[in-house]
Protein backbone atom coordinates (compact mmCIF):
# COMPACT_ATOMS: atom_id res chain seq x y z
CA SER A 1 -29.50 -22.64 11.14
CA GLY A 2 -28.92 -22.34 14.87
CA ALA A 3 -28.34 -19.35 17.06
CA GLY A 4 -25.09 -17.54 16.32
CA CYS A 5 -24.71 -18.95 12.81
CA ALA A 6 -23.62 -16.49 10.17
CA VAL A 7 -25.04 -16.37 6.69
CA ARG A 8 -22.76 -15.40 3.81
CA THR A 9 -24.20 -13.02 1.24
CA THR A 10 -22.36 -12.41 -2.03
CA LEU A 11 -22.56 -8.74 -2.98
CA ALA A 12 -20.24 -8.82 -6.00
CA VAL A 13 -17.53 -10.96 -7.55
CA ILE A 14 -13.96 -9.93 -8.33
CA PRO A 15 -12.36 -12.26 -10.87
CA GLY A 16 -9.16 -14.13 -10.10
CA LEU A 17 -7.55 -15.81 -7.14
CA GLU A 18 -4.84 -13.27 -6.26
CA ARG A 19 -4.55 -11.51 -2.91
CA VAL A 20 -6.27 -8.14 -2.63
CA SER A 21 -5.06 -4.79 -1.28
CA PHE A 22 -7.84 -2.72 0.37
CA ALA A 23 -8.33 0.91 1.38
CA ASP A 24 -11.44 2.90 2.25
CA ASP A 25 -12.51 6.43 3.10
CA GLY A 26 -15.32 5.41 5.44
CA THR A 27 -17.87 5.25 2.60
CA ASN A 28 -16.12 3.86 -0.46
CA LEU A 29 -14.04 0.69 -0.52
CA PHE A 30 -11.28 0.33 -3.11
CA MET A 31 -9.56 -2.95 -3.88
CA VAL A 32 -6.56 -3.69 -6.07
CA THR A 33 -5.90 -7.15 -7.47
CA GLY A 34 -4.68 -8.57 -10.75
CA GLY A 35 -3.59 -5.12 -11.96
CA VAL A 36 -7.11 -3.68 -11.64
CA ILE A 37 -8.59 -1.17 -9.18
CA TYR A 38 -12.17 -1.96 -8.07
CA HIS A 39 -14.58 0.41 -6.33
CA TRP A 40 -17.43 -0.70 -4.06
CA ASN A 41 -19.77 2.22 -3.25
CA GLY A 42 -22.05 0.26 -0.93
CA SER A 43 -24.33 -1.05 -3.65
CA ALA A 44 -22.31 -1.72 -6.83
CA LEU A 45 -18.84 -2.87 -7.83
CA SER A 46 -17.04 -1.21 -10.75
CA ALA A 47 -13.54 -1.15 -12.20
CA VAL A 48 -11.67 2.17 -11.98
CA SER A 49 -10.05 3.37 -15.18
CA GLN A 50 -6.82 5.31 -14.75
CA SER A 51 -3.62 5.83 -16.73
CA VAL A 52 -1.32 7.12 -13.99
CA VAL A 53 0.40 3.80 -13.21
CA THR A 54 0.52 0.55 -15.13
CA ASN A 55 -0.41 -2.69 -13.42
CA PRO A 56 -1.71 -1.29 -10.09
CA GLN A 57 -0.60 -3.50 -7.18
CA SER A 58 -1.47 -1.79 -3.88
CA ILE A 59 -3.60 0.99 -2.46
CA ASP A 60 -3.80 3.07 0.72
CA TYR A 61 -5.57 6.23 1.88
CA ILE A 62 -4.50 9.53 3.45
CA ASN A 63 -6.07 13.00 3.68
CA ARG A 64 -9.01 12.29 1.36
CA GLN A 65 -6.75 10.77 -1.33
CA PHE A 66 -6.06 7.21 -2.39
CA ILE A 67 -2.50 6.27 -3.31
CA ILE A 68 -1.80 3.43 -5.75
CA SER A 69 1.49 1.78 -6.64
CA GLY A 70 2.33 0.19 -9.95
CA ASP A 71 5.17 -0.92 -12.20
CA ASN A 72 8.57 0.81 -12.44
CA GLY A 73 8.44 2.24 -8.90
CA LEU A 74 5.62 4.63 -9.83
CA PHE A 75 2.80 5.69 -7.55
CA GLY A 76 -0.14 7.98 -8.13
CA SER A 77 -2.73 9.77 -6.05
CA SER A 78 -6.42 10.23 -6.70
CA ASN A 79 -8.21 13.55 -6.73
CA PRO A 80 -9.13 14.67 -3.19
CA GLY A 81 -12.47 13.20 -2.17
CA ASP A 82 -12.78 10.97 -5.26
CA GLY A 83 -10.84 7.71 -5.43
CA THR A 84 -12.17 7.02 -8.92
CA ILE A 85 -10.33 9.92 -10.60
CA TYR A 86 -6.56 9.97 -11.11
CA ASN A 87 -5.06 13.07 -12.73
CA ALA A 88 -2.26 12.13 -15.14
CA LEU A 89 0.03 14.70 -13.44
CA ASN A 90 -0.37 13.23 -9.93
CA TYR A 91 2.34 10.60 -9.99
CA ALA A 92 5.96 10.22 -8.91
CA GLU A 93 8.64 7.56 -8.63
CA ALA A 94 10.09 6.10 -5.46
CA GLU A 95 13.58 6.32 -6.86
CA VAL A 96 16.26 6.60 -4.17
CA ARG A 97 17.32 3.04 -4.98
CA PRO A 98 16.49 1.03 -8.10
CA ASP A 99 14.37 -1.45 -6.12
CA GLY A 100 10.80 -2.32 -6.96
CA LEU A 101 8.06 -0.42 -5.13
CA LEU A 102 5.86 -2.99 -3.36
CA ALA A 103 3.26 -0.84 -1.62
CA PRO A 104 2.42 2.56 -0.19
CA LYS A 105 1.72 2.31 3.54
CA VAL A 106 0.26 5.22 5.49
CA PHE A 107 1.53 5.50 9.06
CA ASN A 108 1.53 8.52 11.40
CA GLN A 109 0.53 10.89 8.57
CA TRP A 110 3.47 9.83 6.41
CA VAL A 111 3.35 7.59 3.37
CA TYR A 112 6.06 4.96 3.42
CA MET A 113 6.85 3.83 -0.11
CA VAL A 114 7.98 0.34 0.83
CA GLY A 115 10.33 -1.25 -1.66
CA GLU A 116 12.38 -4.40 -2.02
CA SER A 117 15.51 -2.89 -0.41
CA THR A 118 14.42 0.47 1.08
CA ALA A 119 11.39 2.45 2.20
CA GLU A 120 11.09 6.14 1.33
CA ILE A 121 9.03 8.55 3.41
CA TRP A 122 6.67 10.89 1.52
CA PRO A 123 4.59 13.31 3.62
CA ASN A 124 1.47 14.86 2.11
CA THR A 125 2.32 18.50 1.32
CA GLY A 126 -1.10 19.46 0.00
CA THR A 127 0.46 21.16 -3.03
CA GLY A 128 2.22 20.07 -6.20
CA ASN A 129 1.82 17.13 -8.54
CA PRO A 130 1.53 14.80 -6.77
CA PRO A 131 0.86 16.58 -3.48
CA PHE A 132 3.57 14.49 -1.76
CA ALA A 133 7.28 15.21 -1.34
CA ARG A 134 10.00 12.76 -0.40
CA LEU A 135 11.92 13.54 2.79
CA ASP A 136 15.39 13.43 1.27
CA SER A 137 17.12 12.92 4.61
CA SER A 138 14.79 10.08 5.62
CA LEU A 139 15.22 6.55 4.32
CA VAL A 140 14.57 3.18 5.90
CA ASN A 141 17.43 0.95 4.76
CA THR A 142 15.49 -2.26 5.26
CA GLY A 143 13.58 -3.67 2.32
CA CYS A 144 10.49 -5.81 2.30
CA ALA A 145 10.31 -9.41 1.11
CA ALA A 146 6.51 -9.64 0.98
CA LYS A 147 4.10 -6.74 0.43
CA PHE A 148 1.28 -8.48 2.27
CA SER A 149 3.46 -8.69 5.39
CA ILE A 150 3.28 -4.89 5.88
CA ALA A 151 1.18 -4.09 8.95
CA ASN A 152 1.08 -1.62 11.79
CA SER A 153 0.09 -1.12 15.39
CA ASP A 154 -0.50 2.30 16.89
CA LYS A 155 3.25 2.61 17.60
CA PHE A 156 5.14 0.80 14.83
CA LEU A 157 5.13 -0.42 11.24
CA TYR A 158 6.13 -4.05 10.70
CA TRP A 159 7.23 -6.08 7.70
CA LEU A 160 9.14 -9.15 6.67
CA GLY A 161 12.54 -7.79 5.71
CA ASP A 162 14.58 -8.59 2.64
CA ASP A 163 16.79 -10.72 4.92
CA ASN A 164 13.76 -12.78 6.13
CA GLN A 165 13.73 -11.16 9.58
CA VAL A 166 10.64 -9.39 10.87
CA TYR A 167 11.23 -5.68 11.53
CA LYS A 168 9.48 -2.99 13.49
CA VAL A 169 9.92 0.46 11.98
CA LEU A 170 9.54 3.89 13.53
CA HIS A 171 10.43 6.94 11.42
CA THR A 172 13.64 5.79 9.68
CA SER A 173 14.74 3.26 12.29
CA ALA A 174 14.18 -0.44 11.58
CA GLN A 175 14.83 -2.98 14.32
CA ALA A 176 14.78 -6.76 13.81
CA ILE A 177 12.34 -8.38 16.23
CA SER A 178 12.65 -11.99 15.09
CA ASP A 179 15.57 -14.26 15.90
CA THR A 180 17.93 -15.77 13.34
CA ALA A 181 16.53 -19.30 13.71
CA THR A 182 13.01 -18.12 12.94
CA SER A 183 14.20 -16.02 10.03
CA TRP A 184 15.73 -18.95 8.17
CA HIS A 185 12.38 -20.77 8.16
CA GLN A 186 10.10 -17.95 7.11
CA LYS A 187 8.73 -18.01 3.59
CA PRO A 188 7.61 -14.75 1.96
CA PHE A 189 3.89 -14.61 1.30
């Protein structure tokens, strides 16, 4: 081993070969893959048991709460300060359109519930079950073709749209930033 060589250390093993969605609160790391939520507390890996959503697919974090998405457009939020506990009342459905919910994405203190043909905006209200409320007048009318394409900079959200163009999103405005020729050759991932 020469200077500058890294050594890999296995801390724990998550079964399967699927992609993983990650979120952390600065101390605890949560991962979702294969319909299971995993918690790494810095020394041990454990599966999180919850009954709020079936088949968890994605996770994100806002205001001391983790948000998970699952089947049938449902999402749920953890108890504040504890991503391992999900109250059965803290769930809702991203339901403006009957498209599948792909992932919650936190951006500029709003949670975008990104779906296959729209994205709904759900700010954290701090009250209610769940403590999020959809902005009824705010909808992004551009869907997402690949949940792992959702990313952000400090100014915009980005994703591969349902028309295979890459979009930048700010509030409810989505603008295509890829050209048509590129869009025809992109494959969702």
